[in-house]
């Protein structure tokens, strides 16, 4: 398992990405709102544990929703 974090500027983008990742039945997916420390980092953080065989698929879903993987 690998761990992924993605930052989003808008709650609706983060929520839609969260729903899609949950539909993949990943063991741990959660979204939290962060205090924005810089304008380059989104205010919403999505975190998930990802099996290695699904890593590329998860990255594509995050990018489709304007997430910034970290």
PDB file of N, CA and C in Angstrom:
ATOM      1  N   UNK A   1       0.842  -1.188   0.000  1.00  0.00           N
ATOM      2  CA  UNK A   1       0.000   0.000   0.000  1.00  0.00           C
ATOM      3  C   UNK A   1       0.879   1.241   0.000  1.00  0.00           C
ATOM      4  N   UNK A   2       0.450   2.210  -0.763  1.00  0.00           N
ATOM      5  CA  UNK A   2       1.083   3.521  -0.772  1.00  0.00           C
ATOM      6  C   UNK A   2       0.068   4.529  -0.275  1.00  0.00           C
ATOM      7  N   UNK A   3       0.546   5.678   0.089  1.00  0.00           N
ATOM      8  CA  UNK A   3      -0.293   6.720   0.642  1.00  0.00           C
ATOM      9  C   UNK A   3      -0.265   7.908  -0.309  1.00  0.00           C
ATOM     10  N   UNK A   4      -1.423   8.459  -0.649  1.00  0.00           N
ATOM     11  CA  UNK A   4      -1.480   9.610  -1.538  1.00  0.00           C
ATOM     12  C   UNK A   4      -2.220  10.749  -0.846  1.00  0.00           C
ATOM     13  N   UNK A   5      -1.755  11.965  -1.105  1.00  0.00           N
ATOM     14  CA  UNK A   5      -2.436  13.180  -0.659  1.00  0.00           C
ATOM     15  C   UNK A   5      -2.611  14.075  -1.873  1.00  0.00           C
ATOM     16  N   UNK A   6      -3.744  14.744  -1.940  1.00  0.00           N
ATOM     17  CA  UNK A   6      -3.990  15.701  -3.020  1.00  0.00           C
ATOM     18  C   UNK A   6      -4.679  16.924  -2.433  1.00  0.00           C
ATOM     19  N   UNK A   7      -4.289  18.081  -2.918  1.00  0.00           N
ATOM     20  CA  UNK A   7      -4.879  19.343  -2.468  1.00  0.00           C
ATOM     21  C   UNK A   7      -5.818  19.867  -3.542  1.00  0.00           C
ATOM     22  N   UNK A   8      -6.946  20.407  -3.112  1.00  0.00           N
ATOM     23  CA  UNK A   8      -7.952  20.955  -4.016  1.00  0.00           C
ATOM     24  C   UNK A   8      -8.301  22.375  -3.582  1.00  0.00           C
ATOM     25  N   UNK A   9      -8.609  23.221  -4.541  1.00  0.00           N
ATOM     26  CA  UNK A   9      -8.999  24.593  -4.243  1.00  0.00           C
ATOM     27  C   UNK A   9     -10.472  24.721  -3.912  1.00  0.00           C
ATOM     28  N   UNK A  10     -11.289  23.785  -4.366  1.00  0.00           N
ATOM     29  CA  UNK A  10     -12.738  23.875  -4.173  1.00  0.00           C
ATOM     30  C   UNK A  10     -13.285  22.602  -3.544  1.00  0.00           C
ATOM     31  N   UNK A  11     -14.209  22.770  -2.621  1.00  0.00           N
ATOM     32  CA  UNK A  11     -14.790  21.640  -1.899  1.00  0.00           C
ATOM     33  C   UNK A  11     -15.505  20.675  -2.834  1.00  0.00           C
ATOM     34  N   UNK A  12     -16.216  21.197  -3.842  1.00  0.00           N
ATOM     35  CA  UNK A  12     -16.961  20.311  -4.730  1.00  0.00           C
ATOM     36  C   UNK A  12     -16.034  19.412  -5.550  1.00  0.00           C
ATOM     37  N   UNK A  13     -14.879  19.930  -5.973  1.00  0.00           N
ATOM     38  CA  UNK A  13     -13.913  19.104  -6.704  1.00  0.00           C
ATOM     39  C   UNK A  13     -13.360  18.007  -5.793  1.00  0.00           C
ATOM     40  N   UNK A  14     -13.027  18.390  -4.572  1.00  0.00           N
ATOM     41  CA  UNK A  14     -12.488  17.420  -3.617  1.00  0.00           C
ATOM     42  C   UNK A  14     -13.528  16.351  -3.293  1.00  0.00           C
ATOM     43  N   UNK A  15     -14.766  16.753  -3.109  1.00  0.00           N
ATOM     44  CA  UNK A  15     -15.841  15.808  -2.766  1.00  0.00           C
ATOM     45  C   UNK A  15     -16.099  14.819  -3.904  1.00  0.00           C
ATOM     46  N   UNK A  16     -16.138  15.297  -5.141  1.00  0.00           N
ATOM     47  CA  UNK A  16     -16.356  14.400  -6.287  1.00  0.00           C
ATOM     48  C   UNK A  16     -15.200  13.398  -6.418  1.00  0.00           C
ATOM     49  N   UNK A  17     -13.990  13.864  -6.209  1.00  0.00           N
ATOM     50  CA  UNK A  17     -12.839  12.974  -6.267  1.00  0.00           C
ATOM     51  C   UNK A  17     -12.921  11.947  -5.133  1.00  0.00           C
ATOM     52  N   UNK A  18     -13.314  12.393  -3.949  1.00  0.00           N
ATOM     53  CA  UNK A  18     -13.472  11.490  -2.813  1.00  0.00           C
ATOM     54  C   UNK A  18     -14.489  10.389  -3.125  1.00  0.00           C
ATOM     55  N   UNK A  19     -15.603  10.762  -3.722  1.00  0.00           N
ATOM     56  CA  UNK A  19     -16.645   9.788  -4.070  1.00  0.00           C
ATOM     57  C   UNK A  19     -16.116   8.762  -5.074  1.00  0.00           C
ATOM     58  N   UNK A  20     -15.388   9.232  -6.092  1.00  0.00           N
ATOM     59  CA  UNK A  20     -14.845   8.303  -7.094  1.00  0.00           C
ATOM     60  C   UNK A  20     -13.823   7.356  -6.473  1.00  0.00           C
ATOM     61  N   UNK A  21     -12.981   7.872  -5.583  1.00  0.00           N
ATOM     62  CA  UNK A  21     -11.991   7.009  -4.943  1.00  0.00           C
ATOM     63  C   UNK A  21     -12.669   6.007  -4.017  1.00  0.00           C
ATOM     64  N   UNK A  22     -13.713   6.426  -3.330  1.00  0.00           N
ATOM     65  CA  UNK A  22     -14.451   5.502  -2.476  1.00  0.00           C
ATOM     66  C   UNK A  22     -15.112   4.403  -3.300  1.00  0.00           C
ATOM     67  N   UNK A  23     -15.538   4.737  -4.516  1.00  0.00           N
ATOM     68  CA  UNK A  23     -16.166   3.728  -5.375  1.00  0.00           C
ATOM     69  C   UNK A  23     -15.171   2.637  -5.792  1.00  0.00           C
ATOM     70  N   UNK A  24     -13.873   2.936  -5.699  1.00  0.00           N
ATOM     71  CA  UNK A  24     -12.846   1.936  -5.994  1.00  0.00           C
ATOM     72  C   UNK A  24     -12.612   1.011  -4.803  1.00  0.00           C
ATOM     73  N   UNK A  25     -13.309   1.286  -3.716  1.00  0.00           N
ATOM     74  CA  UNK A  25     -13.219   0.492  -2.479  1.00  0.00           C
ATOM     75  C   UNK A  25     -11.817   0.511  -1.877  1.00  0.00           C
ATOM     76  N   UNK A  26     -11.201   1.693  -1.921  1.00  0.00           N
ATOM     77  CA  UNK A  26      -9.915   1.856  -1.259  1.00  0.00           C
ATOM     78  C   UNK A  26     -10.139   1.798   0.252  1.00  0.00           C
ATOM     79  N   UNK A  27      -9.183   1.261   0.999  1.00  0.00           N
ATOM     80  CA  UNK A  27      -9.403   1.052   2.426  1.00  0.00           C
ATOM     81  C   UNK A  27      -9.563   2.324   3.247  1.00  0.00           C
ATOM     82  N   UNK A  28      -8.989   3.408   2.810  1.00  0.00           N
ATOM     83  CA  UNK A  28      -9.018   4.619   3.631  1.00  0.00           C
ATOM     84  C   UNK A  28      -9.017   5.842   2.723  1.00  0.00           C
ATOM     85  N   UNK A  29     -10.161   6.515   2.612  1.00  0.00           N
ATOM     86  CA  UNK A  29     -10.261   7.748   1.822  1.00  0.00           C
ATOM     87  C   UNK A  29     -10.937   8.780   2.704  1.00  0.00           C
ATOM     88  N   UNK A  30     -10.321   9.960   2.815  1.00  0.00           N
ATOM     89  CA  UNK A  30     -10.965  11.012   3.600  1.00  0.00           C
ATOM     90  C   UNK A  30     -10.570  12.381   3.092  1.00  0.00           C
ATOM     91  N   UNK A  31     -11.484  13.321   3.258  1.00  0.00           N
ATOM     92  CA  UNK A  31     -11.266  14.707   2.860  1.00  0.00           C
ATOM     93  C   UNK A  31     -11.345  15.572   4.104  1.00  0.00           C
ATOM     94  N   UNK A  32     -10.428  16.530   4.207  1.00  0.00           N
ATOM     95  CA  UNK A  32     -10.452  17.484   5.316  1.00  0.00           C
ATOM     96  C   UNK A  32     -10.227  18.886   4.775  1.00  0.00           C
ATOM     97  N   UNK A  33     -10.723  19.864   5.494  1.00  0.00           N
ATOM     98  CA  UNK A  33     -10.486  21.264   5.136  1.00  0.00           C
ATOM     99  C   UNK A  33      -9.280  21.736   5.923  1.00  0.00           C
ATOM    100  N   UNK A  34      -8.369  22.419   5.236  1.00  0.00           N
ATOM    101  CA  UNK A  34      -7.136  22.880   5.863  1.00  0.00           C
ATOM    102  C   UNK A  34      -7.120  24.399   5.971  1.00  0.00           C
ATOM    103  N   UNK A  35      -6.295  24.875   6.870  1.00  0.00           N
ATOM    104  CA  UNK A  35      -5.994  26.300   6.897  1.00  0.00           C
ATOM    105  C   UNK A  35      -4.996  26.518   5.777  1.00  0.00           C
ATOM    106  N   UNK A  36      -5.335  27.405   4.862  1.00  0.00           N
ATOM    107  CA  UNK A  36      -4.496  27.618   3.686  1.00  0.00           C
ATOM    108  C   UNK A  36      -3.275  28.446   4.072  1.00  0.00           C
ATOM    109  N   UNK A  37      -2.092  27.842   3.950  1.00  0.00           N
ATOM    110  CA  UNK A  37      -0.854  28.513   4.328  1.00  0.00           C
ATOM    111  C   UNK A  37      -0.211  29.266   3.174  1.00  0.00           C
ATOM    112  N   UNK A  38      -0.539  28.894   1.960  1.00  0.00           N
ATOM    113  CA  UNK A  38      -0.022  29.617   0.795  1.00  0.00           C
ATOM    114  C   UNK A  38      -1.012  29.473  -0.350  1.00  0.00           C
ATOM    115  N   UNK A  39      -1.027  30.449  -1.256  1.00  0.00           N
ATOM    116  CA  UNK A  39      -1.995  30.395  -2.359  1.00  0.00           C
ATOM    117  C   UNK A  39      -1.774  29.239  -3.326  1.00  0.00           C
ATOM    118  N   UNK A  40      -0.576  28.651  -3.340  1.00  0.00           N
ATOM    119  CA  UNK A  40      -0.293  27.545  -4.264  1.00  0.00           C
ATOM    120  C   UNK A  40      -0.863  26.220  -3.774  1.00  0.00           C
ATOM    121  N   UNK A  41      -1.227  26.144  -2.506  1.00  0.00           N
ATOM    122  CA  UNK A  41      -1.714  24.890  -1.927  1.00  0.00           C
ATOM    123  C   UNK A  41      -3.213  24.992  -1.714  1.00  0.00           C
ATOM    124  N   UNK A  42      -3.949  24.016  -2.210  1.00  0.00           N
ATOM    125  CA  UNK A  42      -5.404  24.026  -2.082  1.00  0.00           C
ATOM    126  C   UNK A  42      -5.862  23.964  -0.638  1.00  0.00           C
ATOM    127  N   UNK A  43      -7.078  24.402  -0.404  1.00  0.00           N
ATOM    128  CA  UNK A  43      -7.628  24.472   0.948  1.00  0.00           C
ATOM    129  C   UNK A  43      -8.235  23.146   1.403  1.00  0.00           C
ATOM    130  N   UNK A  44      -8.418  22.192   0.505  1.00  0.00           N
ATOM    131  CA  UNK A  44      -9.034  20.909   0.848  1.00  0.00           C
ATOM    132  C   UNK A  44      -8.036  19.796   0.583  1.00  0.00           C
ATOM    133  N   UNK A  45      -7.885  18.920   1.538  1.00  0.00           N
ATOM    134  CA  UNK A  45      -6.917  17.837   1.447  1.00  0.00           C
ATOM    135  C   UNK A  45      -7.658  16.507   1.372  1.00  0.00           C
ATOM    136  N   UNK A  46      -7.286  15.708   0.392  1.00  0.00           N
ATOM    137  CA  UNK A  46      -7.837  14.365   0.230  1.00  0.00           C
ATOM    138  C   UNK A  46      -6.695  13.387   0.454  1.00  0.00           C
ATOM    139  N   UNK A  47      -6.925  12.389   1.305  1.00  0.00           N
ATOM    140  CA  UNK A  47      -5.907  11.400   1.620  1.00  0.00           C
ATOM    141  C   UNK A  47      -6.477  10.007   1.392  1.00  0.00           C
ATOM    142  N   UNK A  48      -5.602   9.102   0.939  1.00  0.00           N
ATOM    143  CA  UNK A  48      -6.045   7.731   0.702  1.00  0.00           C
ATOM    144  C   UNK A  48      -4.860   6.779   0.734  1.00  0.00           C
ATOM    145  N   UNK A  49      -5.152   5.551   1.143  1.00  0.00           N
ATOM    146  CA  UNK A  49      -4.195   4.457   1.000  1.00  0.00           C
ATOM    147  C   UNK A  49      -4.516   3.770  -0.319  1.00  0.00           C
ATOM    148  N   UNK A  50      -3.490   3.550  -1.124  1.00  0.00           N
ATOM    149  CA  UNK A  50      -3.701   3.047  -2.479  1.00  0.00           C
ATOM    150  C   UNK A  50      -2.835   1.811  -2.728  1.00  0.00           C
ATOM    151  N   UNK A  51      -3.450   0.703  -3.145  1.00  0.00           N
ATOM    152  CA  UNK A  51      -2.647  -0.458  -3.545  1.00  0.00           C
ATOM    153  C   UNK A  51      -1.807  -0.098  -4.771  1.00  0.00           C
ATOM    154  N   UNK A  52      -0.620  -0.643  -4.839  1.00  0.00           N
ATOM    155  CA  UNK A  52       0.307  -0.297  -5.921  1.00  0.00           C
ATOM    156  C   UNK A  52      -0.318  -0.501  -7.302  1.00  0.00           C
ATOM    157  N   UNK A  53      -1.121  -1.555  -7.487  1.00  0.00           N
ATOM    158  CA  UNK A  53      -1.691  -1.830  -8.806  1.00  0.00           C
ATOM    159  C   UNK A  53      -2.739  -0.792  -9.226  1.00  0.00           C
ATOM    160  N   UNK A  54      -3.210   0.043  -8.284  1.00  0.00           N
ATOM    161  CA  UNK A  54      -4.214   1.071  -8.615  1.00  0.00           C
ATOM    162  C   UNK A  54      -3.627   2.479  -8.626  1.00  0.00           C
ATOM    163  N   UNK A  55      -2.336   2.595  -8.396  1.00  0.00           N
ATOM    164  CA  UNK A  55      -1.695   3.900  -8.238  1.00  0.00           C
ATOM    165  C   UNK A  55      -1.949   4.826  -9.430  1.00  0.00           C
ATOM    166  N   UNK A  56      -1.699   4.367 -10.643  1.00  0.00           N
ATOM    167  CA  UNK A  56      -1.867   5.213 -11.832  1.00  0.00           C
ATOM    168  C   UNK A  56      -3.324   5.632 -12.008  1.00  0.00           C
ATOM    169  N   UNK A  57      -4.242   4.724 -11.777  1.00  0.00           N
ATOM    170  CA  UNK A  57      -5.675   5.032 -11.914  1.00  0.00           C
ATOM    171  C   UNK A  57      -6.091   6.134 -10.935  1.00  0.00           C
ATOM    172  N   UNK A  58      -5.609   6.039  -9.703  1.00  0.00           N
ATOM    173  CA  UNK A  58      -5.921   7.038  -8.686  1.00  0.00           C
ATOM    174  C   UNK A  58      -5.334   8.395  -9.068  1.00  0.00           C
ATOM    175  N   UNK A  59      -4.121   8.407  -9.573  1.00  0.00           N
ATOM    176  CA  UNK A  59      -3.498   9.667  -9.992  1.00  0.00           C
ATOM    177  C   UNK A  59      -4.311  10.344 -11.102  1.00  0.00           C
ATOM    178  N   UNK A  60      -4.814   9.571 -12.043  1.00  0.00           N
ATOM    179  CA  UNK A  60      -5.627  10.118 -13.138  1.00  0.00           C
ATOM    180  C   UNK A  60      -6.925  10.715 -12.591  1.00  0.00           C
ATOM    181  N   UNK A  61      -7.569  10.016 -11.668  1.00  0.00           N
ATOM    182  CA  UNK A  61      -8.810  10.536 -11.067  1.00  0.00           C
ATOM    183  C   UNK A  61      -8.538  11.845 -10.351  1.00  0.00           C
ATOM    184  N   UNK A  62      -7.458  11.920  -9.596  1.00  0.00           N
ATOM    185  CA  UNK A  62      -7.116  13.154  -8.878  1.00  0.00           C
ATOM    186  C   UNK A  62      -6.896  14.294  -9.865  1.00  0.00           C
ATOM    187  N   UNK A  63      -6.135  14.058 -10.900  1.00  0.00           N
ATOM    188  CA  UNK A  63      -5.858  15.101 -11.879  1.00  0.00           C
ATOM    189  C   UNK A  63      -7.105  15.517 -12.645  1.00  0.00           C
ATOM    190  N   UNK A  64      -8.014  14.580 -12.902  1.00  0.00           N
ATOM    191  CA  UNK A  64      -9.272  14.903 -13.590  1.00  0.00           C
ATOM    192  C   UNK A  64     -10.111  15.894 -12.787  1.00  0.00           C
ATOM    193  N   UNK A  65      -9.915  15.923 -11.489  1.00  0.00           N
ATOM    194  CA  UNK A  65     -10.691  16.806 -10.624  1.00  0.00           C
ATOM    195  C   UNK A  65      -9.873  18.007 -10.158  1.00  0.00           C
ATOM    196  N   UNK A  66      -8.823  18.329 -10.890  1.00  0.00           N
ATOM    197  CA  UNK A  66      -7.962  19.497 -10.621  1.00  0.00           C
ATOM    198  C   UNK A  66      -7.246  19.409  -9.287  1.00  0.00           C
ATOM    199  N   UNK A  67      -6.968  18.204  -8.854  1.00  0.00           N
ATOM    200  CA  UNK A  67      -6.219  18.037  -7.613  1.00  0.00           C
ATOM    201  C   UNK A  67      -4.732  18.189  -7.862  1.00  0.00           C
ATOM    202  N   UNK A  68      -4.032  18.607  -6.845  1.00  0.00           N
ATOM    203  CA  UNK A  68      -2.592  18.761  -6.917  1.00  0.00           C
ATOM    204  C   UNK A  68      -1.947  17.666  -6.061  1.00  0.00           C
ATOM    205  N   UNK A  69      -1.485  16.557  -6.680  1.00  0.00           N
ATOM    206  CA  UNK A  69      -0.906  15.486  -5.871  1.00  0.00           C
ATOM    207  C   UNK A  69       0.329  15.973  -5.140  1.00  0.00           C
ATOM    208  N   UNK A  70       0.502  15.453  -3.952  1.00  0.00           N
ATOM    209  CA  UNK A  70       1.711  15.816  -3.201  1.00  0.00           C
ATOM    210  C   UNK A  70       2.431  14.564  -2.759  1.00  0.00           C
TER     211      UNK A  70
END
